[in-house]
Amino acid sequence: MTEPGLYHLLFISGALFFAGIYGFFTRRNLVTMLMSVELILNSVNLNFIAFNKYLWPGKMEGLFFTLFIIAIAAAEAAVAIAIIINVYRTHQSIDVEKAEEMKY
């Protein structure tokens, strides 16, 4: 079995990115919006790994950036889930339209 090339990985990464963008802009549920942001971050990680492997194979910068993004994404998910739980406690819903009064 042949290993995928750079263009294949970039195509998969682009598909993940646009699926995340589509999910973020079309869904009204806070949890699905959070999952869409995670899809976007995973597509960025895939780009870093692909470019690191094919363009700079002897360097480790892409891997370090990926590990840093994973750590930031874990912290972001923990904070976002805590906010979602608090929104659910106050509004009895995790719909974005119902949480609109938090702006004021």
PDB file of N, CA and C in Angstrom:
ATOM      1  N   MET A   1       0.854  -1.176   0.000  1.00  0.00           N
ATOM      2  CA  MET A   1       0.000   0.000   0.000  1.00  0.00           C
ATOM      3  C   MET A   1       0.898   1.236   0.000  1.00  0.00           C
ATOM      4  N   THR A   2       0.606   2.132  -0.879  1.00  0.00           N
ATOM      5  CA  THR A   2       1.394   3.357  -1.005  1.00  0.00           C
ATOM      6  C   THR A   2       0.933   4.407   0.009  1.00  0.00           C
ATOM      7  N   GLU A   3       1.857   5.193   0.464  1.00  0.00           N
ATOM      8  CA  GLU A   3       1.505   6.208   1.456  1.00  0.00           C
ATOM      9  C   GLU A   3       0.958   7.453   0.761  1.00  0.00           C
ATOM     10  N   PRO A   4       0.031   8.154   1.425  1.00  0.00           N
ATOM     11  CA  PRO A   4      -0.589   9.326   0.787  1.00  0.00           C
ATOM     12  C   PRO A   4       0.415  10.465   0.616  1.00  0.00           C
ATOM     13  N   GLY A   5       0.246  11.196  -0.466  1.00  0.00           N
ATOM     14  CA  GLY A   5       1.123  12.325  -0.748  1.00  0.00           C
ATOM     15  C   GLY A   5       0.628  13.598  -0.075  1.00  0.00           C
ATOM     16  N   LEU A   6       1.370  14.655  -0.302  1.00  0.00           N
ATOM     17  CA  LEU A   6       1.040  15.942   0.316  1.00  0.00           C
ATOM     18  C   LEU A   6      -0.324  16.442  -0.141  1.00  0.00           C
ATOM     19  N   TYR A   7      -0.615  16.298  -1.435  1.00  0.00           N
ATOM     20  CA  TYR A   7      -1.891  16.807  -1.937  1.00  0.00           C
ATOM     21  C   TYR A   7      -3.078  16.041  -1.357  1.00  0.00           C
ATOM     22  N   HIS A   8      -2.906  14.753  -1.112  1.00  0.00           N
ATOM     23  CA  HIS A   8      -3.986  13.986  -0.495  1.00  0.00           C
ATOM     24  C   HIS A   8      -4.262  14.477   0.928  1.00  0.00           C
ATOM     25  N   LEU A   9      -3.198  14.702   1.674  1.00  0.00           N
ATOM     26  CA  LEU A   9      -3.369  15.181   3.045  1.00  0.00           C
ATOM     27  C   LEU A   9      -3.954  16.591   3.078  1.00  0.00           C
ATOM     28  N   LEU A  10      -3.544  17.431   2.130  1.00  0.00           N
ATOM     29  CA  LEU A  10      -4.108  18.778   2.073  1.00  0.00           C
ATOM     30  C   LEU A  10      -5.577  18.760   1.681  1.00  0.00           C
ATOM     31  N   PHE A  11      -5.955  17.811   0.822  1.00  0.00           N
ATOM     32  CA  PHE A  11      -7.365  17.677   0.460  1.00  0.00           C
ATOM     33  C   PHE A  11      -8.199  17.251   1.664  1.00  0.00           C
ATOM     34  N   ILE A  12      -7.711  16.276   2.425  1.00  0.00           N
ATOM     35  CA  ILE A  12      -8.422  15.825   3.623  1.00  0.00           C
ATOM     36  C   ILE A  12      -8.503  16.961   4.646  1.00  0.00           C
ATOM     37  N   SER A  13      -7.402  17.695   4.799  1.00  0.00           N
ATOM     38  CA  SER A  13      -7.383  18.809   5.737  1.00  0.00           C
ATOM     39  C   SER A  13      -8.366  19.901   5.315  1.00  0.00           C
ATOM     40  N   GLY A  14      -8.412  20.192   4.028  1.00  0.00           N
ATOM     41  CA  GLY A  14      -9.370  21.188   3.536  1.00  0.00           C
ATOM     42  C   GLY A  14     -10.808  20.748   3.740  1.00  0.00           C
ATOM     43  N   ALA A  15     -11.068  19.456   3.531  1.00  0.00           N
ATOM     44  CA  ALA A  15     -12.419  18.938   3.759  1.00  0.00           C
ATOM     45  C   ALA A  15     -12.800  19.046   5.232  1.00  0.00           C
ATOM     46  N   LEU A  16     -11.869  18.724   6.134  1.00  0.00           N
ATOM     47  CA  LEU A  16     -12.133  18.876   7.567  1.00  0.00           C
ATOM     48  C   LEU A  16     -12.381  20.334   7.928  1.00  0.00           C
ATOM     49  N   PHE A  17     -11.565  21.227   7.367  1.00  0.00           N
ATOM     50  CA  PHE A  17     -11.702  22.648   7.671  1.00  0.00           C
ATOM     51  C   PHE A  17     -13.063  23.179   7.238  1.00  0.00           C
ATOM     52  N   PHE A  18     -13.459  22.873   6.003  1.00  0.00           N
ATOM     53  CA  PHE A  18     -14.730  23.410   5.521  1.00  0.00           C
ATOM     54  C   PHE A  18     -15.930  22.723   6.166  1.00  0.00           C
ATOM     55  N   ALA A  19     -15.786  21.465   6.591  1.00  0.00           N
ATOM     56  CA  ALA A  19     -16.853  20.825   7.358  1.00  0.00           C
ATOM     57  C   ALA A  19     -17.003  21.516   8.710  1.00  0.00           C
ATOM     58  N   GLY A  20     -15.888  21.894   9.310  1.00  0.00           N
ATOM     59  CA  GLY A  20     -15.943  22.632  10.580  1.00  0.00           C
ATOM     60  C   GLY A  20     -16.558  24.009  10.420  1.00  0.00           C
ATOM     61  N   ILE A  21     -16.179  24.717   9.365  1.00  0.00           N
ATOM     62  CA  ILE A  21     -16.756  26.037   9.104  1.00  0.00           C
ATOM     63  C   ILE A  21     -18.260  25.930   8.856  1.00  0.00           C
ATOM     64  N   TYR A  22     -18.655  24.947   8.050  1.00  0.00           N
ATOM     65  CA  TYR A  22     -20.076  24.743   7.768  1.00  0.00           C
ATOM     66  C   TYR A  22     -20.840  24.423   9.045  1.00  0.00           C
ATOM     67  N   GLY A  23     -20.295  23.532   9.862  1.00  0.00           N
ATOM     68  CA  GLY A  23     -20.956  23.172  11.114  1.00  0.00           C
ATOM     69  C   GLY A  23     -21.049  24.333  12.073  1.00  0.00           C
ATOM     70  N   PHE A  24     -20.027  25.162  12.111  1.00  0.00           N
ATOM     71  CA  PHE A  24     -20.040  26.301  13.035  1.00  0.00           C
ATOM     72  C   PHE A  24     -21.088  27.334  12.637  1.00  0.00           C
ATOM     73  N   PHE A  25     -21.219  27.583  11.341  1.00  0.00           N
ATOM     74  CA  PHE A  25     -22.147  28.626  10.902  1.00  0.00           C
ATOM     75  C   PHE A  25     -23.583  28.155  10.737  1.00  0.00           C
ATOM     76  N   THR A  26     -23.822  26.854  10.644  1.00  0.00           N
ATOM     77  CA  THR A  26     -25.188  26.391  10.408  1.00  0.00           C
ATOM     78  C   THR A  26     -25.851  25.807  11.638  1.00  0.00           C
ATOM     79  N   ARG A  27     -25.103  25.398  12.624  1.00  0.00           N
ATOM     80  CA  ARG A  27     -25.696  24.779  13.818  1.00  0.00           C
ATOM     81  C   ARG A  27     -25.992  25.830  14.875  1.00  0.00           C
ATOM     82  N   ARG A  28     -27.025  25.582  15.652  1.00  0.00           N
ATOM     83  CA  ARG A  28     -27.410  26.493  16.725  1.00  0.00           C
ATOM     84  C   ARG A  28     -27.135  25.883  18.098  1.00  0.00           C
ATOM     85  N   ASN A  29     -26.647  24.668  18.151  1.00  0.00           N
ATOM     86  CA  ASN A  29     -26.354  23.994  19.400  1.00  0.00           C
ATOM     87  C   ASN A  29     -24.915  24.304  19.800  1.00  0.00           C
ATOM     88  N   LEU A  30     -24.703  24.697  21.053  1.00  0.00           N
ATOM     89  CA  LEU A  30     -23.364  25.089  21.490  1.00  0.00           C
ATOM     90  C   LEU A  30     -22.378  23.930  21.457  1.00  0.00           C
ATOM     91  N   VAL A  31     -22.828  22.715  21.735  1.00  0.00           N
ATOM     92  CA  VAL A  31     -21.921  21.564  21.732  1.00  0.00           C
ATOM     93  C   VAL A  31     -21.471  21.245  20.307  1.00  0.00           C
ATOM     94  N   THR A  32     -22.377  21.290  19.345  1.00  0.00           N
ATOM     95  CA  THR A  32     -21.970  21.022  17.961  1.00  0.00           C
ATOM     96  C   THR A  32     -21.090  22.142  17.420  1.00  0.00           C
ATOM     97  N   MET A  33     -21.289  23.355  17.903  1.00  0.00           N
ATOM     98  CA  MET A  33     -20.397  24.443  17.497  1.00  0.00           C
ATOM     99  C   MET A  33     -19.000  24.221  18.064  1.00  0.00           C
ATOM    100  N   LEU A  34     -18.912  23.728  19.290  1.00  0.00           N
ATOM    101  CA  LEU A  34     -17.614  23.402  19.887  1.00  0.00           C
ATOM    102  C   LEU A  34     -16.933  22.279  19.120  1.00  0.00           C
ATOM    103  N   MET A  35     -17.693  21.266  18.714  1.00  0.00           N
ATOM    104  CA  MET A  35     -17.108  20.179  17.924  1.00  0.00           C
ATOM    105  C   MET A  35     -16.632  20.681  16.565  1.00  0.00           C
ATOM    106  N   SER A  36     -17.315  21.653  16.003  1.00  0.00           N
ATOM    107  CA  SER A  36     -16.884  22.226  14.727  1.00  0.00           C
ATOM    108  C   SER A  36     -15.568  22.979  14.881  1.00  0.00           C
ATOM    109  N   VAL A  37     -15.399  23.684  15.979  1.00  0.00           N
ATOM    110  CA  VAL A  37     -14.126  24.367  16.233  1.00  0.00           C
ATOM    111  C   VAL A  37     -13.008  23.343  16.396  1.00  0.00           C
ATOM    112  N   GLU A  38     -13.309  22.219  17.033  1.00  0.00           N
ATOM    113  CA  GLU A  38     -12.301  21.159  17.170  1.00  0.00           C
ATOM    114  C   GLU A  38     -11.936  20.570  15.812  1.00  0.00           C
ATOM    115  N   LEU A  39     -12.900  20.438  14.911  1.00  0.00           N
ATOM    116  CA  LEU A  39     -12.594  19.979  13.553  1.00  0.00           C
ATOM    117  C   LEU A  39     -11.654  20.945  12.846  1.00  0.00           C
ATOM    118  N   ILE A  40     -11.885  22.227  13.013  1.00  0.00           N
ATOM    119  CA  ILE A  40     -11.021  23.230  12.391  1.00  0.00           C
ATOM    120  C   ILE A  40      -9.606  23.125  12.949  1.00  0.00           C
ATOM    121  N   LEU A  41      -9.485  22.976  14.263  1.00  0.00           N
ATOM    122  CA  LEU A  41      -8.160  22.849  14.864  1.00  0.00           C
ATOM    123  C   LEU A  41      -7.456  21.563  14.413  1.00  0.00           C
ATOM    124  N   ASN A  42      -8.205  20.477  14.247  1.00  0.00           N
ATOM    125  CA  ASN A  42      -7.595  19.238  13.766  1.00  0.00           C
ATOM    126  C   ASN A  42      -7.140  19.358  12.323  1.00  0.00           C
ATOM    127  N   SER A  43      -7.841  20.125  11.511  1.00  0.00           N
ATOM    128  CA  SER A  43      -7.380  20.321  10.135  1.00  0.00           C
ATOM    129  C   SER A  43      -6.081  21.124  10.103  1.00  0.00           C
ATOM    130  N   VAL A  44      -5.956  22.079  11.008  1.00  0.00           N
ATOM    131  CA  VAL A  44      -4.708  22.842  11.111  1.00  0.00           C
ATOM    132  C   VAL A  44      -3.572  21.933  11.558  1.00  0.00           C
ATOM    133  N   ASN A  45      -3.855  21.049  12.516  1.00  0.00           N
ATOM    134  CA  ASN A  45      -2.835  20.101  12.958  1.00  0.00           C
ATOM    135  C   ASN A  45      -2.389  19.186  11.826  1.00  0.00           C
ATOM    136  N   LEU A  46      -3.334  18.734  11.027  1.00  0.00           N
ATOM    137  CA  LEU A  46      -2.987  17.878   9.898  1.00  0.00           C
ATOM    138  C   LEU A  46      -2.115  18.623   8.894  1.00  0.00           C
ATOM    139  N   ASN A  47      -2.396  19.906   8.678  1.00  0.00           N
ATOM    140  CA  ASN A  47      -1.548  20.716   7.797  1.00  0.00           C
ATOM    141  C   ASN A  47      -0.128  20.833   8.333  1.00  0.00           C
ATOM    142  N   PHE A  48       0.009  21.102   9.631  1.00  0.00           N
ATOM    143  CA  PHE A  48       1.338  21.212  10.222  1.00  0.00           C
ATOM    144  C   PHE A  48       2.124  19.912  10.065  1.00  0.00           C
ATOM    145  N   ILE A  49       1.473  18.780  10.321  1.00  0.00           N
ATOM    146  CA  ILE A  49       2.157  17.490  10.208  1.00  0.00           C
ATOM    147  C   ILE A  49       2.526  17.196   8.759  1.00  0.00           C
ATOM    148  N   ALA A  50       1.616  17.472   7.829  1.00  0.00           N
ATOM    149  CA  ALA A  50       1.887  17.190   6.418  1.00  0.00           C
ATOM    150  C   ALA A  50       3.028  18.046   5.883  1.00  0.00           C
ATOM    151  N   PHE A  51       3.004  19.335   6.181  1.00  0.00           N
ATOM    152  CA  PHE A  51       4.086  20.196   5.697  1.00  0.00           C
ATOM    153  C   PHE A  51       5.406  19.861   6.369  1.00  0.00           C
ATOM    154  N   ASN A  52       5.354  19.479   7.624  1.00  0.00           N
ATOM    155  CA  ASN A  52       6.578  19.092   8.308  1.00  0.00           C
ATOM    156  C   ASN A  52       7.171  17.833   7.678  1.00  0.00           C
ATOM    157  N   LYS A  53       6.327  16.875   7.327  1.00  0.00           N
ATOM    158  CA  LYS A  53       6.827  15.615   6.780  1.00  0.00           C
ATOM    159  C   LYS A  53       7.360  15.774   5.364  1.00  0.00           C
ATOM    160  N   TYR A  54       6.675  16.524   4.525  1.00  0.00           N
ATOM    161  CA  TYR A  54       7.035  16.561   3.111  1.00  0.00           C
ATOM    162  C   TYR A  54       7.949  17.727   2.737  1.00  0.00           C
ATOM    163  N   LEU A  55       7.890  18.834   3.431  1.00  0.00           N
ATOM    164  CA  LEU A  55       8.718  19.969   3.043  1.00  0.00           C
ATOM    165  C   LEU A  55       9.975  20.111   3.889  1.00  0.00           C
ATOM    166  N   TRP A  56       9.862  19.813   5.190  1.00  0.00           N
ATOM    167  CA  TRP A  56      11.013  19.908   6.084  1.00  0.00           C
ATOM    168  C   TRP A  56      11.120  18.627   6.900  1.00  0.00           C
ATOM    169  N   PRO A  57      11.519  17.510   6.281  1.00  0.00           N
ATOM    170  CA  PRO A  57      11.474  16.225   6.987  1.00  0.00           C
ATOM    171  C   PRO A  57      12.449  16.114   8.155  1.00  0.00           C
ATOM    172  N   GLY A  58      13.522  16.878   8.174  1.00  0.00           N
ATOM    173  CA  GLY A  58      14.487  16.765   9.254  1.00  0.00           C
ATOM    174  C   GLY A  58      14.194  17.643  10.453  1.00  0.00           C
ATOM    175  N   LYS A  59      13.175  18.475  10.360  1.00  0.00           N
ATOM    176  CA  LYS A  59      12.889  19.427  11.439  1.00  0.00           C
ATOM    177  C   LYS A  59      11.666  18.979  12.216  1.00  0.00           C
ATOM    178  N   MET A  60      11.515  19.532  13.417  1.00  0.00           N
ATOM    179  CA  MET A  60      10.434  19.113  14.304  1.00  0.00           C
ATOM    180  C   MET A  60       9.453  20.239  14.627  1.00  0.00           C
ATOM    181  N   GLU A  61       9.540  21.373  13.937  1.00  0.00           N
ATOM    182  CA  GLU A  61       8.691  22.513  14.284  1.00  0.00           C
ATOM    183  C   GLU A  61       7.204  22.201  14.111  1.00  0.00           C
ATOM    184  N   GLY A  62       6.856  21.505  13.048  1.00  0.00           N
ATOM    185  CA  GLY A  62       5.449  21.172  12.820  1.00  0.00           C
ATOM    186  C   GLY A  62       4.878  20.305  13.923  1.00  0.00           C
ATOM    187  N   LEU A  63       5.677  19.376  14.406  1.00  0.00           N
ATOM    188  CA  LEU A  63       5.217  18.518  15.494  1.00  0.00           C
ATOM    189  C   LEU A  63       5.052  19.300  16.789  1.00  0.00           C
ATOM    190  N   PHE A  64       5.962  20.214  17.063  1.00  0.00           N
ATOM    191  CA  PHE A  64       5.845  21.023  18.283  1.00  0.00           C
ATOM    192  C   PHE A  64       4.640  21.950  18.222  1.00  0.00           C
ATOM    193  N   PHE A  65       4.392  22.544  17.054  1.00  0.00           N
ATOM    194  CA  PHE A  65       3.201  23.380  16.911  1.00  0.00           C
ATOM    195  C   PHE A  65       1.935  22.546  17.119  1.00  0.00           C
ATOM    196  N   THR A  66       1.935  21.329  16.584  1.00  0.00           N
ATOM    197  CA  THR A  66       0.777  20.454  16.729  1.00  0.00           C
ATOM    198  C   THR A  66       0.529  20.104  18.191  1.00  0.00           C
ATOM    199  N   LEU A  67       1.574  19.770  18.922  1.00  0.00           N
ATOM    200  CA  LEU A  67       1.421  19.461  20.338  1.00  0.00           C
ATOM    201  C   LEU A  67       0.923  20.678  21.112  1.00  0.00           C
ATOM    202  N   PHE A  68       1.421  21.852  20.764  1.00  0.00           N
ATOM    203  CA  PHE A  68       0.972  23.079  21.419  1.00  0.00           C
ATOM    204  C   PHE A  68      -0.508  23.333  21.131  1.00  0.00           C
ATOM    205  N   ILE A  69      -0.939  23.128  19.896  1.00  0.00           N
ATOM    206  CA  ILE A  69      -2.343  23.336  19.537  1.00  0.00           C
ATOM    207  C   ILE A  69      -3.237  22.327  20.243  1.00  0.00           C
ATOM    208  N   ILE A  70      -2.770  21.083  20.377  1.00  0.00           N
ATOM    209  CA  ILE A  70      -3.562  20.073  21.085  1.00  0.00           C
ATOM    210  C   ILE A  70      -3.746  20.477  22.549  1.00  0.00           C
ATOM    211  N   ALA A  71      -2.687  20.976  23.169  1.00  0.00           N
ATOM    212  CA  ALA A  71      -2.792  21.403  24.564  1.00  0.00           C
ATOM    213  C   ALA A  71      -3.740  22.593  24.706  1.00  0.00           C
ATOM    214  N   ILE A  72      -3.640  23.551  23.805  1.00  0.00           N
ATOM    215  CA  ILE A  72      -4.537  24.711  23.843  1.00  0.00           C
ATOM    216  C   ILE A  72      -5.982  24.286  23.573  1.00  0.00           C
ATOM    217  N   ALA A  73      -6.182  23.346  22.650  1.00  0.00           N
ATOM    218  CA  ALA A  73      -7.533  22.875  22.339  1.00  0.00           C
ATOM    219  C   ALA A  73      -8.155  22.147  23.521  1.00  0.00           C
ATOM    220  N   ALA A  74      -7.350  21.408  24.273  1.00  0.00           N
ATOM    221  CA  ALA A  74      -7.880  20.725  25.455  1.00  0.00           C
ATOM    222  C   ALA A  74      -8.318  21.742  26.503  1.00  0.00           C
ATOM    223  N   ALA A  75      -7.524  22.761  26.718  1.00  0.00           N
ATOM    224  CA  ALA A  75      -7.899  23.804  27.680  1.00  0.00           C
ATOM    225  C   ALA A  75      -9.128  24.563  27.195  1.00  0.00           C
ATOM    226  N   GLU A  76      -9.170  24.855  25.910  1.00  0.00           N
ATOM    227  CA  GLU A  76     -10.320  25.567  25.335  1.00  0.00           C
ATOM    228  C   GLU A  76     -11.586  24.740  25.465  1.00  0.00           C
ATOM    229  N   ALA A  77     -11.498  23.436  25.236  1.00  0.00           N
ATOM    230  CA  ALA A  77     -12.674  22.576  25.358  1.00  0.00           C
ATOM    231  C   ALA A  77     -13.157  22.506  26.793  1.00  0.00           C
ATOM    232  N   ALA A  78     -12.239  22.456  27.746  1.00  0.00           N
ATOM    233  CA  ALA A  78     -12.639  22.407  29.159  1.00  0.00           C
ATOM    234  C   ALA A  78     -13.358  23.684  29.567  1.00  0.00           C
ATOM    235  N   VAL A  79     -12.841  24.820  29.162  1.00  0.00           N
ATOM    236  CA  VAL A  79     -13.484  26.097  29.490  1.00  0.00           C
ATOM    237  C   VAL A  79     -14.827  26.222  28.777  1.00  0.00           C
ATOM    238  N   ALA A  80     -14.884  25.819  27.519  1.00  0.00           N
ATOM    239  CA  ALA A  80     -16.128  25.922  26.762  1.00  0.00           C
ATOM    240  C   ALA A  80     -17.202  25.010  27.343  1.00  0.00           C
ATOM    241  N   ILE A  81     -16.840  23.811  27.757  1.00  0.00           N
ATOM    242  CA  ILE A  81     -17.835  22.913  28.349  1.00  0.00           C
ATOM    243  C   ILE A  81     -18.335  23.471  29.674  1.00  0.00           C
ATOM    244  N   ALA A  82     -17.452  24.082  30.448  1.00  0.00           N
ATOM    245  CA  ALA A  82     -17.891  24.710  31.698  1.00  0.00           C
ATOM    246  C   ALA A  82     -18.873  25.848  31.415  1.00  0.00           C
ATOM    247  N   ILE A  83     -18.601  26.640  30.402  1.00  0.00           N
ATOM    248  CA  ILE A  83     -19.514  27.731  30.033  1.00  0.00           C
ATOM    249  C   ILE A  83     -20.846  27.171  29.543  1.00  0.00           C
ATOM    250  N   ILE A  84     -20.795  26.105  28.751  1.00  0.00           N
ATOM    251  CA  ILE A  84     -22.024  25.492  28.237  1.00  0.00           C
ATOM    252  C   ILE A  84     -22.865  24.940  29.385  1.00  0.00           C
ATOM    253  N   ILE A  85     -22.225  24.324  30.374  1.00  0.00           N
ATOM    254  CA  ILE A  85     -22.964  23.806  31.528  1.00  0.00           C
ATOM    255  C   ILE A  85     -23.633  24.946  32.284  1.00  0.00           C
ATOM    256  N   ASN A  86     -22.940  26.057  32.458  1.00  0.00           N
ATOM    257  CA  ASN A  86     -23.544  27.204  33.146  1.00  0.00           C
ATOM    258  C   ASN A  86     -24.684  27.813  32.344  1.00  0.00           C
ATOM    259  N   VAL A  87     -24.551  27.863  31.037  1.00  0.00           N
ATOM    260  CA  VAL A  87     -25.645  28.369  30.196  1.00  0.00           C
ATOM    261  C   VAL A  87     -26.849  27.443  30.310  1.00  0.00           C
ATOM    262  N   TYR A  88     -26.608  26.143  30.328  1.00  0.00           N
ATOM    263  CA  TYR A  88     -27.724  25.211  30.452  1.00  0.00           C
ATOM    264  C   TYR A  88     -28.412  25.359  31.812  1.00  0.00           C
ATOM    265  N   ARG A  89     -27.648  25.580  32.855  1.00  0.00           N
ATOM    266  CA  ARG A  89     -28.248  25.745  34.180  1.00  0.00           C
ATOM    267  C   ARG A  89     -29.132  26.982  34.266  1.00  0.00           C
ATOM    268  N   THR A  90     -28.723  28.059  33.600  1.00  0.00           N
ATOM    269  CA  THR A  90     -29.505  29.295  33.693  1.00  0.00           C
ATOM    270  C   THR A  90     -30.648  29.358  32.691  1.00  0.00           C
ATOM    271  N   HIS A  91     -30.469  28.785  31.501  1.00  0.00           N
ATOM    272  CA  HIS A  91     -31.477  28.920  30.444  1.00  0.00           C
ATOM    273  C   HIS A  91     -32.226  27.631  30.133  1.00  0.00           C
ATOM    274  N   GLN A  92     -31.822  26.507  30.722  1.00  0.00           N
ATOM    275  CA  GLN A  92     -32.423  25.196  30.460  1.00  0.00           C
ATOM    276  C   GLN A  92     -32.347  24.802  28.984  1.00  0.00           C
ATOM    277  N   SER A  93     -31.373  25.340  28.268  1.00  0.00           N
ATOM    278  CA  SER A  93     -31.179  25.027  26.860  1.00  0.00           C
ATOM    279  C   SER A  93     -29.749  25.390  26.478  1.00  0.00           C
ATOM    280  N   ILE A  94     -29.227  24.695  25.454  1.00  0.00           N
ATOM    281  CA  ILE A  94     -27.905  25.057  24.945  1.00  0.00           C
ATOM    282  C   ILE A  94     -28.017  25.608  23.524  1.00  0.00           C
ATOM    283  N   ASP A  95     -29.175  26.148  23.230  1.00  0.00           N
ATOM    284  CA  ASP A  95     -29.399  26.789  21.938  1.00  0.00           C
ATOM    285  C   ASP A  95     -28.782  28.186  21.963  1.00  0.00           C
ATOM    286  N   VAL A  96     -28.138  28.559  20.869  1.00  0.00           N
ATOM    287  CA  VAL A  96     -27.464  29.851  20.796  1.00  0.00           C
ATOM    288  C   VAL A  96     -28.460  31.001  20.870  1.00  0.00           C
ATOM    289  N   GLU A  97     -29.620  30.828  20.288  1.00  0.00           N
ATOM    290  CA  GLU A  97     -30.621  31.893  20.282  1.00  0.00           C
ATOM    291  C   GLU A  97     -31.135  32.189  21.692  1.00  0.00           C
ATOM    292  N   LYS A  98     -31.211  31.183  22.524  1.00  0.00           N
ATOM    293  CA  LYS A  98     -31.695  31.389  23.900  1.00  0.00           C
ATOM    294  C   LYS A  98     -30.635  32.028  24.782  1.00  0.00           C
ATOM    295  N   ALA A  99     -29.367  31.883  24.428  1.00  0.00           N
ATOM    296  CA  ALA A  99     -28.277  32.448  25.229  1.00  0.00           C
ATOM    297  C   ALA A  99     -27.929  33.867  24.787  1.00  0.00           C
ATOM    298  N   GLU A 100     -28.745  34.454  23.948  1.00  0.00           N
ATOM    299  CA  GLU A 100     -28.456  35.772  23.407  1.00  0.00           C
ATOM    300  C   GLU A 100     -28.517  36.865  24.469  1.00  0.00           C
ATOM    301  N   GLU A 101     -29.299  36.670  25.526  1.00  0.00           N
ATOM    302  CA  GLU A 101     -29.431  37.708  26.543  1.00  0.00           C
ATOM    303  C   GLU A 101     -28.172  37.836  27.396  1.00  0.00           C
ATOM    304  N   MET A 102     -27.195  36.964  27.229  1.00  0.00           N
ATOM    305  CA  MET A 102     -25.933  37.086  27.975  1.00  0.00           C
ATOM    306  C   MET A 102     -25.100  38.261  27.497  1.00  0.00           C
ATOM    307  N   LYS A 103     -25.457  38.843  26.355  1.00  0.00           N
ATOM    308  CA  LYS A 103     -24.681  39.961  25.812  1.00  0.00           C
ATOM    309  C   LYS A 103     -24.788  41.200  26.671  1.00  0.00           C
ATOM    310  N   TYR A 104     -25.894  41.373  27.385  1.00  0.00           N
ATOM    311  CA  TYR A 104     -26.140  42.642  28.089  1.00  0.00           C
ATOM    312  C   TYR A 104     -25.896  42.526  29.549  1.00  0.00           C
TER     313      TYR A 104
END
